[in-house]
Structures are given as structure tokens and as C-alpha cells.
Amino acid sequence: MKITTGILGCALVAGLMAFAPSQSQAGVVGSDGVLYSPLNLKLTVTTQNSKGKFTKQNITSKEVLKDLGFSSDVVLTISADTGNVVVVNKKSGAIIEDLTATNIMSVIPTEILNNTSKTNNNGQFTYDSTGLVEVSFESVDSFFDLFGSYTGSIKASKADKNGGQNVTTKADSKDLNGNGDFAGVSDGETVVTGSSSVKGNGKVEAGSILPPSNN
């Protein structure tokens, strides 16, 4: 998803969310200077065993990374620059793999409604967004394809005396549902339900991020 439609649709604007490491309060600042906000998945795969009973398997972002062979040193994130799902080293900010570019995982929002408020000449604004979202994943032994709705927002404070501006972004989807299989557990039909969330905040150069209507 692009910045103009945002992290899970919440309109992270114009690819200008560049943070210094000491300025990032949530998320990981990549070696490319871009904020990568953690993607938190909480999914449940329901299937039926040979005796006809329902069985459940929980999937989180950690399970997704483990399925792809990554260690605990990395985190699953959304790039504030491209909207792609990217694996980033927690400490160094090194970009390990862009999962959207390699057709492994994507989060694609479709914004339906939005509202910009609290705008003024010192750069302060609040942008709220809501719409639909698709979350998909496919590896050698696992896949899921989920749909739902989302709500998201960007809040930018007024510029401070040092030319900085605090920005907070967040988005939630609490009603994801679809189908899938994880690590080859099921041989039959499945139902996948759950939620996803993304959150990031930090200080940027004043005026470097604008309401979407001004881009």
C-alpha cells in the first residue's frame, strides 16, 4: 500500500517519515532512514480433524517470521515509505527482506472515508481514515488470504521551536476473516479469523508530512 493510502489505510503521507534512531519512540528506524512500524497479527486457523472435531491453531507475527526461517532478531513491519511488509533487524535497523516486493506478504487497504481536522498554519493536523483491507501471505508450506475493515489515523503536532514535529500513526483491523493453512497442518478446508494492528510515532522535520489533501 502506498503512503497516500497509508499503514493499513491510515494515510501515512508522501514518503517523508524519516526518523533518526534516537527519535523513534515506536517502531524501528531502518538503515535507509525510514520508519518501519511493527505489524501485529493475531490469527486463528480452524480446521477439522479425522474424527470430525474442530481444531484451532494460533498464528502471530512471530510465527510468520519463524515459518520464513528468520531469527528472533528481526521484526515484521510496515514501511512508512512504500507501505510494503518488510523484515527489519530490531537493533541495527538493517533491511533484511521486503516481503511485498518478493510476493510473499502484502497489506492492501482501500480507503472509503476520511476526515482531516485540527489543521492550522503551524502544521498541526489530525487525519482519520476507514475502509477495507486485504492481508495475504504465502510461503512454501503456508498461506492465508484475509479480508476485513480498518480504522486508522495520523496526528501531527504543531511545530516546535527546533523545527521538529511529533507524528503518531496507527491502524487497526479487528474483523479479518478468510482461509488458509499454516505449516501444512490441514489437509482440508479451513477458516481463518483474527486481527491486525500497526502503530508508530516519532519526531520529523516540521512540514515534511502534510494532510493527504495537500499532497
N, C-alpha and C. Protein backbone atom coordinates (compact mmCIF):
# COMPACT_ATOMS: atom_id res chain seq x y z
N MET A 1 0.82 -1.17 0.00
CA MET A 1 0.00 0.00 0.00
C MET A 1 0.87 1.24 0.00
N LYS A 2 0.42 2.23 -0.69
CA LYS A 2 1.20 3.46 -0.81
C LYS A 2 0.98 4.36 0.39
N ILE A 3 1.89 5.32 0.57
CA ILE A 3 1.80 6.22 1.70
C ILE A 3 0.52 7.03 1.65
N THR A 4 0.04 7.37 0.46
CA THR A 4 -1.17 8.17 0.35
C THR A 4 -2.41 7.41 0.77
N THR A 5 -2.33 6.09 0.89
CA THR A 5 -3.44 5.35 1.48
C THR A 5 -3.05 4.79 2.83
N GLY A 6 -1.77 4.68 3.09
CA GLY A 6 -1.27 4.56 4.43
C GLY A 6 -1.08 3.19 5.01
N ILE A 7 -0.61 3.16 6.27
CA ILE A 7 -0.45 1.93 7.01
C ILE A 7 -1.82 1.37 7.31
N LEU A 8 -2.15 0.24 6.70
CA LEU A 8 -3.49 -0.33 6.78
C LEU A 8 -4.53 0.72 6.45
N GLY A 9 -4.18 1.61 5.52
CA GLY A 9 -5.13 2.60 5.04
C GLY A 9 -5.16 3.90 5.78
N CYS A 10 -4.28 4.16 6.74
CA CYS A 10 -4.43 5.38 7.54
C CYS A 10 -3.59 6.53 7.02
N ALA A 11 -3.27 6.53 5.73
CA ALA A 11 -2.73 7.70 5.05
C ALA A 11 -1.45 8.25 5.65
N LEU A 12 -0.43 7.44 5.75
CA LEU A 12 0.91 7.96 6.07
C LEU A 12 1.42 8.65 4.81
N VAL A 13 1.62 9.93 4.88
CA VAL A 13 1.67 10.72 3.65
C VAL A 13 3.06 10.87 3.07
N ALA A 14 3.16 10.77 1.75
CA ALA A 14 4.23 11.34 0.93
C ALA A 14 5.63 10.80 1.16
N GLY A 15 5.76 9.72 1.87
CA GLY A 15 7.07 9.08 2.00
C GLY A 15 8.10 9.91 2.73
N LEU A 16 7.68 10.79 3.62
CA LEU A 16 8.62 11.70 4.27
C LEU A 16 8.75 11.41 5.76
N MET A 17 8.41 10.21 6.19
CA MET A 17 8.50 9.85 7.61
C MET A 17 9.92 9.39 7.92
N ALA A 18 10.90 10.28 7.86
CA ALA A 18 12.30 9.93 8.13
C ALA A 18 12.65 10.27 9.57
N PHE A 19 13.10 9.28 10.34
CA PHE A 19 13.41 9.46 11.75
C PHE A 19 14.88 9.15 12.00
N ALA A 20 15.50 9.89 12.89
CA ALA A 20 16.80 9.48 13.41
C ALA A 20 16.55 8.41 14.47
N PRO A 21 17.47 7.46 14.69
CA PRO A 21 17.22 6.38 15.65
C PRO A 21 16.82 6.87 17.04
N SER A 22 17.41 7.93 17.53
CA SER A 22 17.08 8.40 18.87
C SER A 22 15.71 9.05 18.93
N GLN A 23 15.10 9.33 17.76
CA GLN A 23 13.81 10.00 17.73
C GLN A 23 12.65 9.02 17.60
N SER A 24 12.94 7.78 17.36
CA SER A 24 11.87 6.81 17.16
C SER A 24 11.40 6.26 18.50
N GLN A 25 10.12 6.50 18.82
CA GLN A 25 9.56 6.06 20.08
C GLN A 25 8.79 4.75 19.94
N ALA A 26 8.40 4.40 18.74
CA ALA A 26 7.72 3.13 18.48
C ALA A 26 8.06 2.74 17.06
N GLY A 27 8.41 1.49 16.86
CA GLY A 27 8.83 1.06 15.54
C GLY A 27 10.34 1.03 15.45
N VAL A 28 10.81 0.73 14.26
CA VAL A 28 12.25 0.61 14.00
C VAL A 28 12.62 1.56 12.88
N VAL A 29 13.66 2.34 13.09
CA VAL A 29 14.16 3.20 12.02
C VAL A 29 15.15 2.40 11.20
N GLY A 30 14.85 2.23 9.93
CA GLY A 30 15.71 1.43 9.06
C GLY A 30 17.01 2.13 8.74
N SER A 31 17.93 1.35 8.21
CA SER A 31 19.21 1.90 7.79
C SER A 31 19.05 2.90 6.65
N ASP A 32 17.85 2.91 6.03
CA ASP A 32 17.56 3.87 4.98
C ASP A 32 16.89 5.13 5.51
N GLY A 33 16.75 5.25 6.84
CA GLY A 33 16.16 6.44 7.43
C GLY A 33 14.65 6.46 7.44
N VAL A 34 14.01 5.35 7.10
CA VAL A 34 12.54 5.27 7.05
C VAL A 34 12.02 4.60 8.32
N LEU A 35 10.86 5.04 8.81
CA LEU A 35 10.23 4.41 9.95
C LEU A 35 9.53 3.13 9.52
N TYR A 36 9.84 2.03 10.21
CA TYR A 36 9.18 0.76 9.98
C TYR A 36 8.38 0.41 11.23
N SER A 37 7.06 0.42 11.10
CA SER A 37 6.18 0.21 12.25
C SER A 37 5.78 -1.26 12.36
N PRO A 38 5.94 -1.86 13.55
CA PRO A 38 5.63 -3.29 13.73
C PRO A 38 4.20 -3.64 13.34
N LEU A 39 4.07 -4.76 12.64
CA LEU A 39 2.78 -5.31 12.24
C LEU A 39 2.44 -6.44 13.19
N ASN A 40 1.37 -6.30 13.95
CA ASN A 40 0.98 -7.26 14.96
C ASN A 40 -0.21 -8.09 14.47
N LEU A 41 0.01 -9.37 14.22
CA LEU A 41 -1.04 -10.28 13.76
C LEU A 41 -1.49 -11.18 14.89
N LYS A 42 -2.80 -11.38 15.02
CA LYS A 42 -3.37 -12.35 15.95
C LYS A 42 -4.45 -13.11 15.20
N LEU A 43 -4.07 -14.28 14.68
CA LEU A 43 -4.95 -15.06 13.82
C LEU A 43 -5.21 -16.44 14.41
N THR A 44 -6.35 -17.02 14.05
CA THR A 44 -6.70 -18.38 14.44
C THR A 44 -7.15 -19.16 13.22
N VAL A 45 -6.50 -20.30 12.97
CA VAL A 45 -6.89 -21.20 11.89
C VAL A 45 -7.74 -22.33 12.49
N THR A 46 -8.97 -22.46 12.01
CA THR A 46 -9.85 -23.53 12.48
C THR A 46 -10.02 -24.56 11.37
N THR A 47 -9.77 -25.81 11.68
CA THR A 47 -9.93 -26.89 10.73
C THR A 47 -10.62 -28.07 11.42
N GLN A 48 -10.76 -29.19 10.71
CA GLN A 48 -11.47 -30.35 11.24
C GLN A 48 -10.57 -31.57 11.15
N ASN A 49 -10.45 -32.30 12.26
CA ASN A 49 -9.59 -33.49 12.25
C ASN A 49 -10.32 -34.71 11.71
N SER A 50 -9.65 -35.85 11.69
CA SER A 50 -10.22 -37.06 11.11
C SER A 50 -11.45 -37.57 11.85
N LYS A 51 -11.62 -37.13 13.10
CA LYS A 51 -12.78 -37.54 13.89
C LYS A 51 -13.92 -36.54 13.80
N GLY A 52 -13.74 -35.51 13.00
CA GLY A 52 -14.79 -34.52 12.80
C GLY A 52 -14.78 -33.37 13.78
N LYS A 53 -13.83 -33.37 14.71
CA LYS A 53 -13.76 -32.30 15.69
C LYS A 53 -12.99 -31.10 15.15
N PHE A 54 -13.42 -29.91 15.57
CA PHE A 54 -12.71 -28.70 15.17
C PHE A 54 -11.42 -28.57 15.97
N THR A 55 -10.35 -28.20 15.28
CA THR A 55 -9.08 -27.92 15.95
C THR A 55 -8.64 -26.51 15.57
N LYS A 56 -7.91 -25.89 16.48
CA LYS A 56 -7.51 -24.50 16.26
C LYS A 56 -6.00 -24.34 16.36
N GLN A 57 -5.46 -23.43 15.55
CA GLN A 57 -4.04 -23.12 15.55
C GLN A 57 -3.89 -21.61 15.55
N ASN A 58 -3.11 -21.07 16.49
CA ASN A 58 -2.89 -19.63 16.58
C ASN A 58 -1.67 -19.21 15.75
N ILE A 59 -1.79 -18.07 15.09
CA ILE A 59 -0.70 -17.52 14.28
C ILE A 59 -0.48 -16.07 14.69
N THR A 60 0.75 -15.72 14.99
CA THR A 60 1.12 -14.33 15.26
C THR A 60 2.21 -13.92 14.27
N SER A 61 2.64 -12.69 14.37
CA SER A 61 3.74 -12.22 13.51
C SER A 61 5.00 -13.04 13.74
N LYS A 62 5.22 -13.49 14.97
CA LYS A 62 6.40 -14.30 15.27
C LYS A 62 6.36 -15.63 14.52
N GLU A 63 5.16 -16.24 14.45
CA GLU A 63 5.03 -17.50 13.71
C GLU A 63 5.29 -17.30 12.22
N VAL A 64 4.84 -16.16 11.69
CA VAL A 64 5.09 -15.87 10.27
C VAL A 64 6.59 -15.77 10.01
N LEU A 65 7.30 -15.05 10.86
CA LEU A 65 8.75 -14.91 10.70
C LEU A 65 9.45 -16.27 10.85
N LYS A 66 9.01 -17.07 11.82
CA LYS A 66 9.61 -18.39 12.03
C LYS A 66 9.36 -19.29 10.83
N ASP A 67 8.17 -19.21 10.25
CA ASP A 67 7.84 -20.01 9.08
C ASP A 67 8.76 -19.67 7.91
N LEU A 68 9.20 -18.42 7.84
CA LEU A 68 10.09 -17.98 6.77
C LEU A 68 11.56 -18.20 7.09
N GLY A 69 11.85 -18.73 8.29
CA GLY A 69 13.21 -19.06 8.65
C GLY A 69 14.00 -17.94 9.29
N PHE A 70 13.32 -16.88 9.75
CA PHE A 70 14.03 -15.76 10.38
C PHE A 70 14.21 -16.00 11.87
N SER A 71 15.24 -15.37 12.44
CA SER A 71 15.52 -15.48 13.87
C SER A 71 14.70 -14.45 14.64
N SER A 72 14.86 -14.46 15.98
CA SER A 72 14.13 -13.53 16.84
C SER A 72 14.75 -12.13 16.83
N ASP A 73 15.81 -11.92 16.06
CA ASP A 73 16.46 -10.61 15.98
C ASP A 73 15.73 -9.64 15.06
N VAL A 74 14.71 -10.12 14.37
CA VAL A 74 14.03 -9.28 13.39
C VAL A 74 12.58 -9.06 13.79
N VAL A 75 11.95 -8.11 13.12
CA VAL A 75 10.56 -7.78 13.38
C VAL A 75 9.82 -7.60 12.06
N LEU A 76 8.55 -7.98 12.05
CA LEU A 76 7.70 -7.82 10.87
C LEU A 76 7.10 -6.43 10.92
N THR A 77 7.28 -5.66 9.86
CA THR A 77 6.87 -4.25 9.88
C THR A 77 6.17 -3.82 8.60
N ILE A 78 5.59 -2.62 8.68
CA ILE A 78 5.07 -1.92 7.51
C ILE A 78 5.95 -0.70 7.27
N SER A 79 6.42 -0.52 6.05
CA SER A 79 7.26 0.63 5.70
C SER A 79 6.41 1.88 5.55
N ALA A 80 6.83 2.96 6.22
CA ALA A 80 6.14 4.24 6.06
C ALA A 80 6.44 4.88 4.71
N ASP A 81 7.42 4.37 4.00
CA ASP A 81 7.79 4.92 2.69
C ASP A 81 6.97 4.30 1.57
N THR A 82 6.85 2.96 1.58
CA THR A 82 6.19 2.27 0.47
C THR A 82 4.89 1.58 0.87
N GLY A 83 4.69 1.33 2.18
CA GLY A 83 3.54 0.55 2.61
C GLY A 83 3.76 -0.94 2.49
N ASN A 84 4.97 -1.35 2.07
CA ASN A 84 5.27 -2.78 1.94
C ASN A 84 5.49 -3.42 3.30
N VAL A 85 5.30 -4.74 3.35
CA VAL A 85 5.62 -5.52 4.54
C VAL A 85 7.10 -5.87 4.46
N VAL A 86 7.87 -5.45 5.47
CA VAL A 86 9.33 -5.56 5.42
C VAL A 86 9.85 -6.18 6.71
N VAL A 87 10.82 -7.08 6.59
CA VAL A 87 11.51 -7.66 7.75
C VAL A 87 12.73 -6.80 8.04
N VAL A 88 12.81 -6.31 9.30
CA VAL A 88 13.87 -5.38 9.69
C VAL A 88 14.56 -5.89 10.96
N ASN A 89 15.87 -5.71 11.04
CA ASN A 89 16.58 -6.05 12.27
C ASN A 89 16.19 -5.06 13.37
N LYS A 90 15.84 -5.59 14.56
CA LYS A 90 15.34 -4.75 15.65
C LYS A 90 16.35 -3.71 16.11
N LYS A 91 17.62 -4.11 16.20
CA LYS A 91 18.63 -3.23 16.79
C LYS A 91 19.33 -2.35 15.76
N SER A 92 19.77 -2.95 14.66
CA SER A 92 20.57 -2.19 13.70
C SER A 92 19.73 -1.41 12.70
N GLY A 93 18.47 -1.82 12.52
CA GLY A 93 17.64 -1.19 11.50
C GLY A 93 17.94 -1.67 10.10
N ALA A 94 18.77 -2.70 9.97
CA ALA A 94 19.10 -3.22 8.64
C ALA A 94 17.86 -3.81 7.98
N ILE A 95 17.68 -3.54 6.69
CA ILE A 95 16.56 -4.07 5.94
C ILE A 95 16.91 -5.50 5.51
N ILE A 96 16.19 -6.47 6.04
CA ILE A 96 16.51 -7.87 5.77
C ILE A 96 15.82 -8.36 4.50
N GLU A 97 14.52 -8.12 4.39
CA GLU A 97 13.80 -8.54 3.18
C GLU A 97 12.48 -7.79 3.06
N ASP A 98 12.18 -7.33 1.85
CA ASP A 98 10.90 -6.72 1.53
C ASP A 98 9.97 -7.82 1.06
N LEU A 99 9.05 -8.26 1.92
CA LEU A 99 8.19 -9.41 1.62
C LEU A 99 7.14 -9.09 0.56
N THR A 100 6.78 -7.82 0.44
CA THR A 100 5.82 -7.45 -0.60
C THR A 100 6.50 -7.46 -1.97
N ALA A 101 7.73 -6.96 -2.02
CA ALA A 101 8.46 -6.94 -3.28
C ALA A 101 8.76 -8.34 -3.79
N THR A 102 8.88 -9.31 -2.87
CA THR A 102 9.15 -10.70 -3.25
C THR A 102 7.88 -11.54 -3.33
N ASN A 103 6.72 -10.88 -3.29
CA ASN A 103 5.41 -11.53 -3.45
C ASN A 103 5.12 -12.57 -2.38
N ILE A 104 5.60 -12.31 -1.15
CA ILE A 104 5.33 -13.23 -0.04
C ILE A 104 4.19 -12.72 0.84
N MET A 105 4.19 -11.43 1.13
CA MET A 105 3.16 -10.89 2.02
C MET A 105 2.81 -9.46 1.65
N SER A 106 1.54 -9.11 1.77
CA SER A 106 1.11 -7.74 1.47
C SER A 106 -0.08 -7.36 2.34
N VAL A 107 -0.21 -6.06 2.58
CA VAL A 107 -1.36 -5.48 3.28
C VAL A 107 -1.88 -4.37 2.38
N ILE A 108 -3.07 -4.56 1.82
CA ILE A 108 -3.57 -3.64 0.80
C ILE A 108 -4.89 -3.04 1.27
N PRO A 109 -4.89 -1.74 1.63
CA PRO A 109 -6.13 -1.08 2.05
C PRO A 109 -6.84 -0.42 0.87
N THR A 110 -8.15 -0.29 1.03
CA THR A 110 -8.95 0.52 0.12
C THR A 110 -9.69 1.54 0.97
N GLU A 111 -9.20 2.78 0.94
CA GLU A 111 -9.81 3.83 1.75
C GLU A 111 -11.16 4.20 1.18
N ILE A 112 -12.18 4.29 2.06
CA ILE A 112 -13.53 4.66 1.64
C ILE A 112 -13.92 6.02 2.20
N LEU A 113 -13.64 6.26 3.49
CA LEU A 113 -13.99 7.53 4.11
C LEU A 113 -12.76 8.12 4.78
N ASN A 114 -12.67 9.46 4.79
CA ASN A 114 -11.57 10.11 5.50
C ASN A 114 -12.01 11.49 5.98
N ASN A 115 -11.29 12.01 6.95
CA ASN A 115 -11.60 13.31 7.50
C ASN A 115 -10.32 13.96 8.02
N THR A 116 -10.10 15.22 7.66
CA THR A 116 -8.96 15.99 8.16
C THR A 116 -9.47 17.09 9.07
N SER A 117 -8.89 17.19 10.27
CA SER A 117 -9.34 18.19 11.23
C SER A 117 -8.15 18.79 11.97
N LYS A 118 -8.40 19.82 12.76
CA LYS A 118 -7.39 20.48 13.58
C LYS A 118 -6.22 21.01 12.75
N THR A 119 -6.48 21.39 11.52
CA THR A 119 -5.41 21.93 10.68
C THR A 119 -5.20 23.41 11.01
N ASN A 120 -3.94 23.84 10.99
CA ASN A 120 -3.62 25.26 11.17
C ASN A 120 -2.28 25.56 10.54
N ASN A 121 -1.85 26.80 10.63
CA ASN A 121 -0.65 27.25 9.94
C ASN A 121 0.64 26.69 10.53
N ASN A 122 0.62 26.18 11.76
CA ASN A 122 1.85 25.65 12.34
C ASN A 122 2.05 24.17 12.06
N GLY A 123 1.25 23.62 11.16
CA GLY A 123 1.44 22.24 10.71
C GLY A 123 0.64 21.20 11.44
N GLN A 124 -0.09 21.57 12.46
CA GLN A 124 -0.86 20.59 13.22
C GLN A 124 -2.06 20.08 12.43
N PHE A 125 -2.28 18.78 12.45
CA PHE A 125 -3.48 18.22 11.84
C PHE A 125 -3.76 16.82 12.39
N THR A 126 -5.00 16.40 12.22
CA THR A 126 -5.41 15.03 12.51
C THR A 126 -6.13 14.48 11.28
N TYR A 127 -5.73 13.31 10.84
CA TYR A 127 -6.34 12.70 9.67
C TYR A 127 -6.87 11.33 10.07
N ASP A 128 -8.17 11.11 9.88
CA ASP A 128 -8.80 9.83 10.18
C ASP A 128 -9.26 9.16 8.90
N SER A 129 -9.15 7.85 8.86
CA SER A 129 -9.46 7.10 7.66
C SER A 129 -10.11 5.77 8.03
N THR A 130 -11.01 5.29 7.15
CA THR A 130 -11.60 3.97 7.34
C THR A 130 -11.93 3.37 5.99
N GLY A 131 -11.93 2.06 5.92
CA GLY A 131 -12.19 1.38 4.65
C GLY A 131 -12.03 -0.12 4.79
N LEU A 132 -11.64 -0.75 3.71
CA LEU A 132 -11.47 -2.20 3.65
C LEU A 132 -10.00 -2.55 3.47
N VAL A 133 -9.62 -3.77 3.87
CA VAL A 133 -8.22 -4.17 3.77
C VAL A 133 -8.12 -5.65 3.44
N GLU A 134 -7.09 -6.00 2.66
CA GLU A 134 -6.75 -7.40 2.39
C GLU A 134 -5.35 -7.68 2.93
N VAL A 135 -5.21 -8.75 3.69
CA VAL A 135 -3.92 -9.18 4.22
C VAL A 135 -3.63 -10.57 3.68
N SER A 136 -2.53 -10.72 2.95
CA SER A 136 -2.24 -12.01 2.32
C SER A 136 -0.80 -12.43 2.57
N PHE A 137 -0.60 -13.75 2.62
CA PHE A 137 0.71 -14.32 2.90
C PHE A 137 0.83 -15.67 2.20
N GLU A 138 2.01 -15.96 1.62
CA GLU A 138 2.23 -17.26 1.00
C GLU A 138 3.71 -17.61 1.04
N SER A 139 4.00 -18.76 1.67
CA SER A 139 5.36 -19.29 1.70
C SER A 139 5.32 -20.70 1.12
N VAL A 140 6.37 -21.48 1.33
CA VAL A 140 6.42 -22.83 0.77
C VAL A 140 5.31 -23.71 1.32
N ASP A 141 5.09 -23.67 2.65
CA ASP A 141 4.13 -24.58 3.29
C ASP A 141 2.92 -23.87 3.88
N SER A 142 2.84 -22.55 3.78
CA SER A 142 1.78 -21.81 4.47
C SER A 142 1.18 -20.74 3.57
N PHE A 143 -0.07 -20.41 3.87
CA PHE A 143 -0.70 -19.28 3.19
C PHE A 143 -1.92 -18.83 3.99
N PHE A 144 -2.30 -17.57 3.82
CA PHE A 144 -3.61 -17.09 4.23
C PHE A 144 -3.97 -15.88 3.39
N ASP A 145 -5.27 -15.71 3.19
CA ASP A 145 -5.78 -14.57 2.43
C ASP A 145 -7.00 -14.07 3.19
N LEU A 146 -6.89 -12.87 3.77
CA LEU A 146 -7.89 -12.36 4.71
C LEU A 146 -8.42 -11.02 4.27
N PHE A 147 -9.68 -10.79 4.60
CA PHE A 147 -10.33 -9.52 4.27
C PHE A 147 -11.04 -8.99 5.52
N GLY A 148 -11.18 -7.67 5.58
CA GLY A 148 -11.88 -7.05 6.70
C GLY A 148 -11.96 -5.55 6.52
N SER A 149 -12.31 -4.87 7.58
CA SER A 149 -12.34 -3.40 7.57
C SER A 149 -11.22 -2.87 8.46
N TYR A 150 -10.92 -1.59 8.33
CA TYR A 150 -9.89 -0.99 9.16
C TYR A 150 -10.30 0.42 9.56
N THR A 151 -9.71 0.91 10.63
CA THR A 151 -9.75 2.33 11.00
C THR A 151 -8.33 2.77 11.28
N GLY A 152 -8.00 3.99 10.92
CA GLY A 152 -6.64 4.46 11.13
C GLY A 152 -6.58 5.97 11.25
N SER A 153 -5.43 6.46 11.69
CA SER A 153 -5.29 7.91 11.86
C SER A 153 -3.83 8.34 11.81
N ILE A 154 -3.63 9.61 11.47
CA ILE A 154 -2.35 10.29 11.62
C ILE A 154 -2.62 11.54 12.46
N LYS A 155 -1.77 11.78 13.45
CA LYS A 155 -1.85 13.01 14.24
C LYS A 155 -0.49 13.68 14.22
N ALA A 156 -0.46 14.91 13.76
CA ALA A 156 0.78 15.69 13.71
C ALA A 156 0.63 16.89 14.64
N SER A 157 1.60 17.06 15.52
CA SER A 157 1.57 18.18 16.47
C SER A 157 2.01 19.47 15.77
N LYS A 158 1.87 20.58 16.47
CA LYS A 158 2.40 21.83 15.93
C LYS A 158 3.92 21.79 15.96
N ALA A 159 4.53 22.54 15.11
CA ALA A 159 5.99 22.58 15.03
C ALA A 159 6.57 23.15 16.31
N ASP A 160 7.68 22.57 16.78
CA ASP A 160 8.33 23.10 17.97
C ASP A 160 9.39 24.14 17.58
N LYS A 161 10.02 24.74 18.57
CA LYS A 161 10.97 25.83 18.32
C LYS A 161 12.24 25.36 17.62
N ASN A 162 12.48 24.05 17.64
CA ASN A 162 13.67 23.50 16.98
C ASN A 162 13.37 22.98 15.57
N GLY A 163 12.15 23.24 15.11
CA GLY A 163 11.79 22.82 13.75
C GLY A 163 11.39 21.37 13.64
N GLY A 164 11.01 20.76 14.77
CA GLY A 164 10.55 19.38 14.75
C GLY A 164 9.04 19.30 14.89
N GLN A 165 8.51 18.12 14.62
CA GLN A 165 7.06 17.91 14.68
C GLN A 165 6.80 16.46 15.07
N ASN A 166 6.05 16.24 16.14
CA ASN A 166 5.71 14.89 16.56
C ASN A 166 4.57 14.34 15.72
N VAL A 167 4.74 13.10 15.25
CA VAL A 167 3.73 12.46 14.42
C VAL A 167 3.41 11.08 15.00
N THR A 168 2.13 10.78 15.11
CA THR A 168 1.67 9.47 15.57
C THR A 168 0.76 8.86 14.52
N THR A 169 1.01 7.62 14.17
CA THR A 169 0.19 6.91 13.20
C THR A 169 -0.27 5.59 13.80
N LYS A 170 -1.50 5.18 13.51
CA LYS A 170 -1.98 3.89 13.97
C LYS A 170 -3.11 3.41 13.07
N ALA A 171 -3.30 2.09 13.06
CA ALA A 171 -4.39 1.49 12.30
C ALA A 171 -4.72 0.14 12.90
N ASP A 172 -6.00 -0.22 12.85
CA ASP A 172 -6.46 -1.49 13.41
C ASP A 172 -7.47 -2.13 12.48
N SER A 173 -7.40 -3.44 12.40
CA SER A 173 -8.42 -4.24 11.72
C SER A 173 -8.77 -5.40 12.64
N LYS A 174 -9.97 -5.38 13.18
CA LYS A 174 -10.36 -6.36 14.20
C LYS A 174 -11.26 -7.47 13.69
N ASP A 175 -11.57 -7.46 12.40
CA ASP A 175 -12.54 -8.43 11.89
C ASP A 175 -12.04 -9.18 10.66
N LEU A 176 -10.73 -9.48 10.63
CA LEU A 176 -10.19 -10.20 9.47
C LEU A 176 -10.76 -11.62 9.41
N ASN A 177 -11.06 -12.07 8.20
CA ASN A 177 -11.51 -13.45 8.02
C ASN A 177 -11.23 -13.91 6.60
N GLY A 178 -11.04 -15.20 6.45
CA GLY A 178 -10.74 -15.78 5.14
C GLY A 178 -10.38 -17.23 5.30
N ASN A 179 -9.43 -17.70 4.49
CA ASN A 179 -9.00 -19.09 4.61
C ASN A 179 -7.48 -19.16 4.50
N GLY A 180 -6.94 -20.36 4.79
CA GLY A 180 -5.51 -20.53 4.73
C GLY A 180 -5.08 -21.82 5.40
N ASP A 181 -3.78 -22.01 5.42
CA ASP A 181 -3.18 -23.17 6.09
C ASP A 181 -1.80 -22.72 6.56
N PHE A 182 -1.36 -23.24 7.68
CA PHE A 182 -0.08 -22.81 8.21
C PHE A 182 0.79 -24.02 8.52
N ALA A 183 1.96 -24.04 7.91
CA ALA A 183 2.94 -25.13 8.08
C ALA A 183 2.36 -26.49 7.71
N GLY A 184 1.43 -26.48 6.75
CA GLY A 184 0.90 -27.74 6.24
C GLY A 184 0.11 -28.55 7.23
N VAL A 185 -0.54 -27.88 8.20
CA VAL A 185 -1.27 -28.59 9.25
C VAL A 185 -2.53 -29.24 8.72
N SER A 186 -3.24 -28.58 7.83
CA SER A 186 -4.54 -29.05 7.39
C SER A 186 -4.48 -29.70 6.00
N ASP A 187 -5.29 -30.75 5.84
CA ASP A 187 -5.46 -31.38 4.53
C ASP A 187 -6.80 -31.03 3.91
N GLY A 188 -7.59 -30.23 4.62
CA GLY A 188 -8.93 -29.91 4.14
C GLY A 188 -9.24 -28.43 4.22
N GLU A 189 -10.54 -28.13 4.33
CA GLU A 189 -10.98 -26.75 4.39
C GLU A 189 -10.62 -26.13 5.74
N THR A 190 -10.38 -24.82 5.73
CA THR A 190 -10.08 -24.09 6.96
C THR A 190 -10.84 -22.77 6.98
N VAL A 191 -10.96 -22.22 8.18
CA VAL A 191 -11.46 -20.85 8.37
C VAL A 191 -10.41 -20.10 9.18
N VAL A 192 -10.02 -18.92 8.70
CA VAL A 192 -9.03 -18.11 9.41
C VAL A 192 -9.70 -16.81 9.83
N THR A 193 -9.59 -16.49 11.11
CA THR A 193 -10.13 -15.24 11.64
C THR A 193 -9.08 -14.55 12.50
N GLY A 194 -9.29 -13.27 12.79
CA GLY A 194 -8.35 -12.60 13.66
C GLY A 194 -8.28 -11.10 13.45
N SER A 195 -7.14 -10.53 13.83
CA SER A 195 -6.97 -9.07 13.80
C SER A 195 -5.54 -8.71 13.43
N SER A 196 -5.35 -7.46 13.06
CA SER A 196 -4.01 -6.92 12.81
C SER A 196 -3.97 -5.48 13.27
N SER A 197 -2.79 -5.03 13.65
CA SER A 197 -2.64 -3.63 14.06
C SER A 197 -1.23 -3.15 13.73
N VAL A 198 -1.11 -1.85 13.53
CA VAL A 198 0.16 -1.21 13.24
C VAL A 198 0.20 0.10 14.01
N LYS A 199 1.37 0.44 14.58
CA LYS A 199 1.48 1.70 15.31
C LYS A 199 2.91 2.22 15.24
N GLY A 200 3.06 3.52 15.03
CA GLY A 200 4.37 4.13 15.02
C GLY A 200 4.28 5.59 15.42
N ASN A 201 5.31 6.11 16.08
CA ASN A 201 5.33 7.53 16.41
C ASN A 201 6.76 8.01 16.56
N GLY A 202 6.97 9.29 16.37
CA GLY A 202 8.30 9.89 16.47
C GLY A 202 8.30 11.32 16.00
N LYS A 203 9.48 11.91 15.92
CA LYS A 203 9.60 13.31 15.54
C LYS A 203 10.22 13.45 14.15
N VAL A 204 9.58 14.25 13.32
CA VAL A 204 10.06 14.51 11.96
C VAL A 204 10.32 16.00 11.81
N GLU A 205 10.93 16.35 10.70
CA GLU A 205 11.13 17.76 10.38
C GLU A 205 9.78 18.42 10.15
N ALA A 206 9.56 19.56 10.78
CA ALA A 206 8.28 20.27 10.66
C ALA A 206 7.95 20.55 9.20
N GLY A 207 6.73 20.23 8.81
CA GLY A 207 6.27 20.47 7.46
C GLY A 207 6.59 19.38 6.47
N SER A 208 7.33 18.35 6.91
CA SER A 208 7.69 17.28 5.98
C SER A 208 6.56 16.29 5.77
N ILE A 209 5.55 16.33 6.64
CA ILE A 209 4.39 15.47 6.47
C ILE A 209 3.15 16.34 6.48
N LEU A 210 2.29 16.16 5.49
CA LEU A 210 1.14 17.01 5.29
C LEU A 210 -0.13 16.16 5.23
N PRO A 211 -1.29 16.77 5.48
CA PRO A 211 -2.55 16.05 5.28
C PRO A 211 -2.63 15.56 3.84
N PRO A 212 -3.20 14.39 3.59
CA PRO A 212 -3.26 13.84 2.23
C PRO A 212 -3.85 14.79 1.21
N SER A 213 -4.81 15.62 1.59
CA SER A 213 -5.43 16.55 0.63
C SER A 213 -4.47 17.60 0.14
N ASN A 214 -3.34 17.76 0.85
CA ASN A 214 -2.34 18.76 0.46
C ASN A 214 -1.20 18.18 -0.33
N ASN A 215 -1.24 16.87 -0.64
CA ASN A 215 -0.15 16.23 -1.36
C ASN A 215 -0.36 16.31 -2.85
